[in-house]
């Protein structure tokens, strides 16, 4: 029963936070908060992607040159920095990733 109370409590808190933006549409954040919120998407994406690059199996740190996840991630960062084109970065990163996996013989059959 405690699990259900936990789920209901989290749902209520999530609803209250999101509803508050509709309840007070004239709410304005200070410039410091708005400036900090500007970096949230980058921080969240980094927190999701970087562990997968350095620990593809989810348990062990792999800094070897046969880690296609790490090499393709670094190449994708380079593509993004040079091109500033979202679709080109995604396609280039995927192409490099699958080519590295194919080169290293790591593609599932």
N, C-alpha and C. Protein backbone atom coordinates (compact mmCIF):
# COMPACT_ATOMS: atom_id res chain seq x y z
N UNK A 1 0.82 -1.20 0.00
CA UNK A 1 0.00 0.00 0.00
C UNK A 1 0.87 1.26 0.00
N UNK A 2 2.07 1.18 0.60
CA UNK A 2 2.94 2.34 0.62
C UNK A 2 3.38 2.75 -0.78
N UNK A 3 3.52 1.79 -1.67
CA UNK A 3 3.92 2.09 -3.04
C UNK A 3 2.86 2.95 -3.72
N UNK A 4 1.60 2.62 -3.50
CA UNK A 4 0.53 3.41 -4.11
C UNK A 4 0.49 4.83 -3.56
N UNK A 5 0.74 5.00 -2.26
CA UNK A 5 0.78 6.35 -1.69
C UNK A 5 1.93 7.15 -2.29
N UNK A 6 3.05 6.47 -2.50
CA UNK A 6 4.21 7.12 -3.12
C UNK A 6 3.90 7.56 -4.54
N UNK A 7 3.27 6.68 -5.31
CA UNK A 7 2.91 7.01 -6.69
C UNK A 7 1.91 8.15 -6.73
N UNK A 8 0.89 8.11 -5.88
CA UNK A 8 -0.11 9.18 -5.84
C UNK A 8 0.52 10.51 -5.40
N UNK A 9 1.43 10.45 -4.44
CA UNK A 9 2.10 11.67 -3.99
C UNK A 9 2.95 12.28 -5.09
N UNK A 10 3.70 11.44 -5.82
CA UNK A 10 4.52 11.96 -6.92
C UNK A 10 3.64 12.53 -8.03
N UNK A 11 2.51 11.87 -8.30
CA UNK A 11 1.59 12.38 -9.32
C UNK A 11 1.02 13.73 -8.91
N UNK A 12 0.65 13.88 -7.63
CA UNK A 12 0.10 15.15 -7.14
C UNK A 12 1.13 16.26 -7.22
N UNK A 13 2.36 15.98 -6.84
CA UNK A 13 3.42 17.00 -6.90
C UNK A 13 3.71 17.39 -8.34
N UNK A 14 3.79 16.41 -9.23
CA UNK A 14 4.03 16.70 -10.64
C UNK A 14 2.90 17.53 -11.23
N UNK A 15 1.65 17.16 -10.90
CA UNK A 15 0.51 17.92 -11.40
C UNK A 15 0.53 19.35 -10.87
N UNK A 16 0.81 19.51 -9.58
CA UNK A 16 0.82 20.85 -8.97
C UNK A 16 1.89 21.74 -9.61
N UNK A 17 3.05 21.20 -9.87
CA UNK A 17 4.12 21.99 -10.47
C UNK A 17 3.74 22.40 -11.89
N UNK A 18 3.21 21.49 -12.65
CA UNK A 18 2.88 21.81 -14.04
C UNK A 18 1.62 22.69 -14.13
N UNK A 19 0.65 22.46 -13.24
CA UNK A 19 -0.56 23.27 -13.26
C UNK A 19 -0.30 24.70 -12.82
N UNK A 20 0.69 24.89 -11.98
CA UNK A 20 0.98 26.23 -11.48
C UNK A 20 1.34 27.19 -12.60
N UNK A 21 1.95 26.69 -13.66
CA UNK A 21 2.29 27.54 -14.79
C UNK A 21 1.04 28.00 -15.54
N UNK A 22 -0.04 27.19 -15.51
CA UNK A 22 -1.29 27.59 -16.13
C UNK A 22 -2.13 28.44 -15.18
N UNK A 23 -2.03 28.17 -13.89
CA UNK A 23 -2.83 28.91 -12.91
C UNK A 23 -2.37 30.36 -12.79
N UNK A 24 -1.09 30.60 -12.92
CA UNK A 24 -0.53 31.95 -12.85
C UNK A 24 0.23 32.25 -14.15
N UNK A 25 -0.50 32.58 -15.23
CA UNK A 25 0.18 32.79 -16.52
C UNK A 25 1.07 34.02 -16.55
N UNK A 26 0.87 34.95 -15.63
CA UNK A 26 1.69 36.16 -15.62
C UNK A 26 2.94 36.02 -14.77
N UNK A 27 3.20 34.81 -14.31
CA UNK A 27 4.38 34.57 -13.47
C UNK A 27 5.65 34.79 -14.28
N UNK A 28 6.54 35.60 -13.78
CA UNK A 28 7.81 35.87 -14.46
C UNK A 28 8.95 35.49 -13.53
N UNK A 29 9.92 34.78 -14.09
CA UNK A 29 11.07 34.37 -13.32
C UNK A 29 12.12 35.48 -13.35
N UNK A 30 12.92 35.58 -12.29
CA UNK A 30 14.04 36.54 -12.33
C UNK A 30 15.03 36.16 -13.44
N UNK A 31 15.81 37.12 -13.89
CA UNK A 31 16.72 36.87 -15.00
C UNK A 31 17.76 35.80 -14.67
N UNK A 32 18.16 35.71 -13.41
CA UNK A 32 19.14 34.69 -13.02
C UNK A 32 18.54 33.29 -13.20
N UNK A 33 17.27 33.12 -12.84
CA UNK A 33 16.60 31.82 -12.99
C UNK A 33 16.43 31.49 -14.47
N UNK A 34 15.99 32.47 -15.25
CA UNK A 34 15.83 32.24 -16.69
C UNK A 34 17.16 31.88 -17.34
N UNK A 35 18.23 32.53 -16.92
CA UNK A 35 19.55 32.23 -17.48
C UNK A 35 19.98 30.82 -17.09
N UNK A 36 19.70 30.40 -15.86
CA UNK A 36 20.03 29.05 -15.44
C UNK A 36 19.20 27.99 -16.15
N UNK A 37 17.93 28.28 -16.40
CA UNK A 37 17.06 27.34 -17.10
C UNK A 37 17.47 27.15 -18.56
N UNK A 38 18.22 28.09 -19.08
CA UNK A 38 18.70 27.98 -20.46
C UNK A 38 19.62 26.77 -20.63
N UNK A 39 20.31 26.37 -19.58
CA UNK A 39 21.28 25.27 -19.66
C UNK A 39 20.69 23.91 -19.29
N UNK A 40 19.43 23.86 -18.89
CA UNK A 40 18.82 22.60 -18.46
C UNK A 40 18.80 21.56 -19.57
N UNK A 41 18.35 21.85 -20.80
CA UNK A 41 18.33 20.80 -21.83
C UNK A 41 19.71 20.21 -22.11
N UNK A 42 20.74 21.04 -22.15
CA UNK A 42 22.09 20.54 -22.38
C UNK A 42 22.55 19.64 -21.24
N UNK A 43 22.26 20.04 -20.01
CA UNK A 43 22.67 19.25 -18.85
C UNK A 43 21.94 17.91 -18.81
N UNK A 44 20.65 17.91 -19.11
CA UNK A 44 19.88 16.66 -19.09
C UNK A 44 20.36 15.72 -20.19
N UNK A 45 20.55 16.24 -21.39
CA UNK A 45 21.02 15.40 -22.49
C UNK A 45 22.40 14.83 -22.20
N UNK A 46 23.27 15.63 -21.62
CA UNK A 46 24.61 15.16 -21.26
C UNK A 46 24.53 14.05 -20.22
N UNK A 47 23.66 14.22 -19.23
CA UNK A 47 23.52 13.20 -18.18
C UNK A 47 22.97 11.89 -18.73
N UNK A 48 22.21 11.95 -19.81
CA UNK A 48 21.67 10.73 -20.41
C UNK A 48 22.69 10.06 -21.33
N UNK A 49 23.41 10.84 -22.13
CA UNK A 49 24.26 10.29 -23.19
C UNK A 49 25.63 9.86 -22.70
N UNK A 50 26.27 10.65 -21.86
CA UNK A 50 27.67 10.38 -21.47
C UNK A 50 27.86 9.02 -20.79
N UNK A 51 27.00 8.60 -19.87
CA UNK A 51 27.21 7.25 -19.30
C UNK A 51 27.15 6.15 -20.35
N UNK A 52 26.32 6.31 -21.37
CA UNK A 52 26.26 5.32 -22.43
C UNK A 52 27.51 5.31 -23.30
N UNK A 53 28.17 6.45 -23.41
CA UNK A 53 29.40 6.51 -24.20
C UNK A 53 30.55 5.84 -23.45
N UNK A 54 30.66 6.10 -22.17
CA UNK A 54 31.79 5.58 -21.40
C UNK A 54 31.55 4.19 -20.83
N UNK A 55 30.30 3.80 -20.64
CA UNK A 55 29.97 2.48 -20.10
C UNK A 55 28.87 1.83 -20.94
N UNK A 56 29.19 1.38 -22.16
CA UNK A 56 28.16 0.82 -23.03
C UNK A 56 27.47 -0.41 -22.45
N UNK A 57 28.17 -1.19 -21.63
CA UNK A 57 27.53 -2.36 -21.03
C UNK A 57 26.79 -2.01 -19.75
N UNK A 58 26.93 -0.77 -19.30
CA UNK A 58 26.21 -0.31 -18.12
C UNK A 58 26.91 -0.61 -16.81
N UNK A 59 28.07 -1.26 -16.83
CA UNK A 59 28.72 -1.63 -15.59
C UNK A 59 30.21 -1.28 -15.54
N UNK A 60 30.90 -1.37 -16.66
CA UNK A 60 32.35 -1.19 -16.66
C UNK A 60 32.74 -0.02 -17.54
N UNK A 61 33.69 0.77 -17.06
CA UNK A 61 34.22 1.89 -17.82
C UNK A 61 35.06 1.36 -18.97
N UNK A 62 34.76 1.79 -20.20
CA UNK A 62 35.49 1.31 -21.38
C UNK A 62 36.07 2.50 -22.12
N UNK A 63 37.37 2.71 -21.94
CA UNK A 63 38.07 3.80 -22.61
C UNK A 63 38.98 3.29 -23.72
N UNK A 64 38.69 2.11 -24.24
CA UNK A 64 39.52 1.51 -25.29
C UNK A 64 39.16 2.08 -26.66
N UNK A 65 40.03 1.87 -27.61
CA UNK A 65 39.81 2.36 -28.97
C UNK A 65 38.82 1.51 -29.75
N UNK A 66 38.33 0.42 -29.18
CA UNK A 66 37.30 -0.37 -29.85
C UNK A 66 35.91 -0.07 -29.29
N UNK A 67 35.77 0.99 -28.54
CA UNK A 67 34.47 1.41 -28.01
C UNK A 67 33.80 2.31 -29.04
N UNK A 68 32.93 1.72 -29.85
CA UNK A 68 32.27 2.47 -30.92
C UNK A 68 31.38 3.57 -30.36
N UNK A 69 30.80 3.37 -29.19
CA UNK A 69 29.94 4.38 -28.58
C UNK A 69 30.74 5.65 -28.25
N UNK A 70 31.91 5.46 -27.69
CA UNK A 70 32.75 6.60 -27.32
C UNK A 70 33.28 7.32 -28.55
N UNK A 71 33.82 6.56 -29.50
CA UNK A 71 34.38 7.17 -30.70
C UNK A 71 33.32 7.89 -31.52
N UNK A 72 32.16 7.26 -31.68
CA UNK A 72 31.08 7.90 -32.44
C UNK A 72 30.54 9.11 -31.70
N UNK A 73 30.49 9.05 -30.38
CA UNK A 73 30.04 10.20 -29.60
C UNK A 73 30.98 11.38 -29.75
N UNK A 74 32.27 11.12 -29.69
CA UNK A 74 33.24 12.20 -29.88
C UNK A 74 33.18 12.77 -31.30
N UNK A 75 33.01 11.89 -32.28
CA UNK A 75 32.89 12.35 -33.67
C UNK A 75 31.61 13.18 -33.85
N UNK A 76 30.54 12.79 -33.19
CA UNK A 76 29.28 13.53 -33.28
C UNK A 76 29.41 14.91 -32.65
N UNK A 77 30.13 14.99 -31.54
CA UNK A 77 30.38 16.30 -30.92
C UNK A 77 31.16 17.18 -31.88
N UNK A 78 32.14 16.61 -32.55
CA UNK A 78 32.93 17.37 -33.52
C UNK A 78 32.06 17.83 -34.70
N UNK A 79 31.21 16.95 -35.20
CA UNK A 79 30.31 17.32 -36.30
C UNK A 79 29.40 18.46 -35.88
N UNK A 80 28.84 18.36 -34.67
CA UNK A 80 27.94 19.40 -34.17
C UNK A 80 28.65 20.73 -34.03
N UNK A 81 29.87 20.69 -33.53
CA UNK A 81 30.62 21.94 -33.32
C UNK A 81 30.99 22.59 -34.65
N UNK A 82 31.30 21.79 -35.65
CA UNK A 82 31.71 22.34 -36.94
C UNK A 82 30.52 22.75 -37.82
N UNK A 83 29.47 21.95 -37.82
CA UNK A 83 28.38 22.20 -38.76
C UNK A 83 27.24 23.03 -38.18
N UNK A 84 26.97 22.88 -36.89
CA UNK A 84 25.82 23.55 -36.26
C UNK A 84 24.51 23.21 -36.97
N UNK A 85 24.42 21.99 -37.49
CA UNK A 85 23.24 21.53 -38.22
C UNK A 85 22.72 20.27 -37.53
N UNK A 86 21.51 20.35 -36.97
CA UNK A 86 20.98 19.26 -36.16
C UNK A 86 20.82 17.96 -36.94
N UNK A 87 20.15 18.02 -38.08
CA UNK A 87 19.93 16.80 -38.85
C UNK A 87 21.25 16.21 -39.36
N UNK A 88 22.16 17.07 -39.78
CA UNK A 88 23.46 16.59 -40.23
C UNK A 88 24.24 15.93 -39.10
N UNK A 89 24.12 16.49 -37.90
CA UNK A 89 24.79 15.90 -36.74
C UNK A 89 24.23 14.53 -36.42
N UNK A 90 22.91 14.42 -36.42
CA UNK A 90 22.27 13.13 -36.11
C UNK A 90 22.64 12.08 -37.14
N UNK A 91 22.49 12.43 -38.41
CA UNK A 91 22.78 11.46 -39.47
C UNK A 91 24.27 11.10 -39.52
N UNK A 92 25.12 12.10 -39.37
CA UNK A 92 26.56 11.83 -39.36
C UNK A 92 26.97 10.97 -38.19
N UNK A 93 26.43 11.25 -37.02
CA UNK A 93 26.74 10.44 -35.84
C UNK A 93 26.28 9.01 -35.98
N UNK A 94 25.07 8.82 -36.51
CA UNK A 94 24.57 7.45 -36.71
C UNK A 94 25.40 6.71 -37.75
N UNK A 95 25.75 7.39 -38.83
CA UNK A 95 26.56 6.76 -39.87
C UNK A 95 27.92 6.33 -39.32
N UNK A 96 28.57 7.21 -38.59
CA UNK A 96 29.87 6.88 -38.00
C UNK A 96 29.73 5.75 -36.99
N UNK A 97 28.68 5.79 -36.18
CA UNK A 97 28.47 4.74 -35.18
C UNK A 97 28.32 3.37 -35.83
N UNK A 98 27.46 3.28 -36.85
CA UNK A 98 27.24 1.98 -37.47
C UNK A 98 28.45 1.53 -38.29
N UNK A 99 29.16 2.46 -38.89
CA UNK A 99 30.40 2.08 -39.58
C UNK A 99 31.44 1.55 -38.61
N UNK A 100 31.57 2.19 -37.45
CA UNK A 100 32.52 1.69 -36.44
C UNK A 100 32.10 0.32 -35.92
N UNK A 101 30.81 0.15 -35.66
CA UNK A 101 30.34 -1.16 -35.18
C UNK A 101 30.60 -2.24 -36.23
N UNK A 102 30.39 -1.90 -37.49
CA UNK A 102 30.64 -2.85 -38.57
C UNK A 102 32.13 -3.16 -38.68
N UNK A 103 32.96 -2.10 -38.57
CA UNK A 103 34.41 -2.28 -38.65
C UNK A 103 34.93 -3.15 -37.51
N UNK A 104 34.40 -2.94 -36.31
CA UNK A 104 34.85 -3.71 -35.15
C UNK A 104 34.17 -5.06 -35.04
N UNK A 105 33.28 -5.38 -35.96
CA UNK A 105 32.57 -6.67 -35.92
C UNK A 105 31.62 -6.78 -34.75
N UNK A 106 31.00 -5.67 -34.36
CA UNK A 106 30.14 -5.66 -33.19
C UNK A 106 28.65 -5.59 -33.53
N UNK A 107 28.31 -5.63 -34.81
CA UNK A 107 26.90 -5.59 -35.19
C UNK A 107 26.24 -6.91 -34.88
N UNK A 108 25.05 -6.89 -34.27
CA UNK A 108 24.36 -8.15 -34.01
C UNK A 108 23.87 -8.76 -35.32
N UNK A 109 23.92 -10.06 -35.38
CA UNK A 109 23.52 -10.77 -36.60
C UNK A 109 22.09 -11.17 -36.53
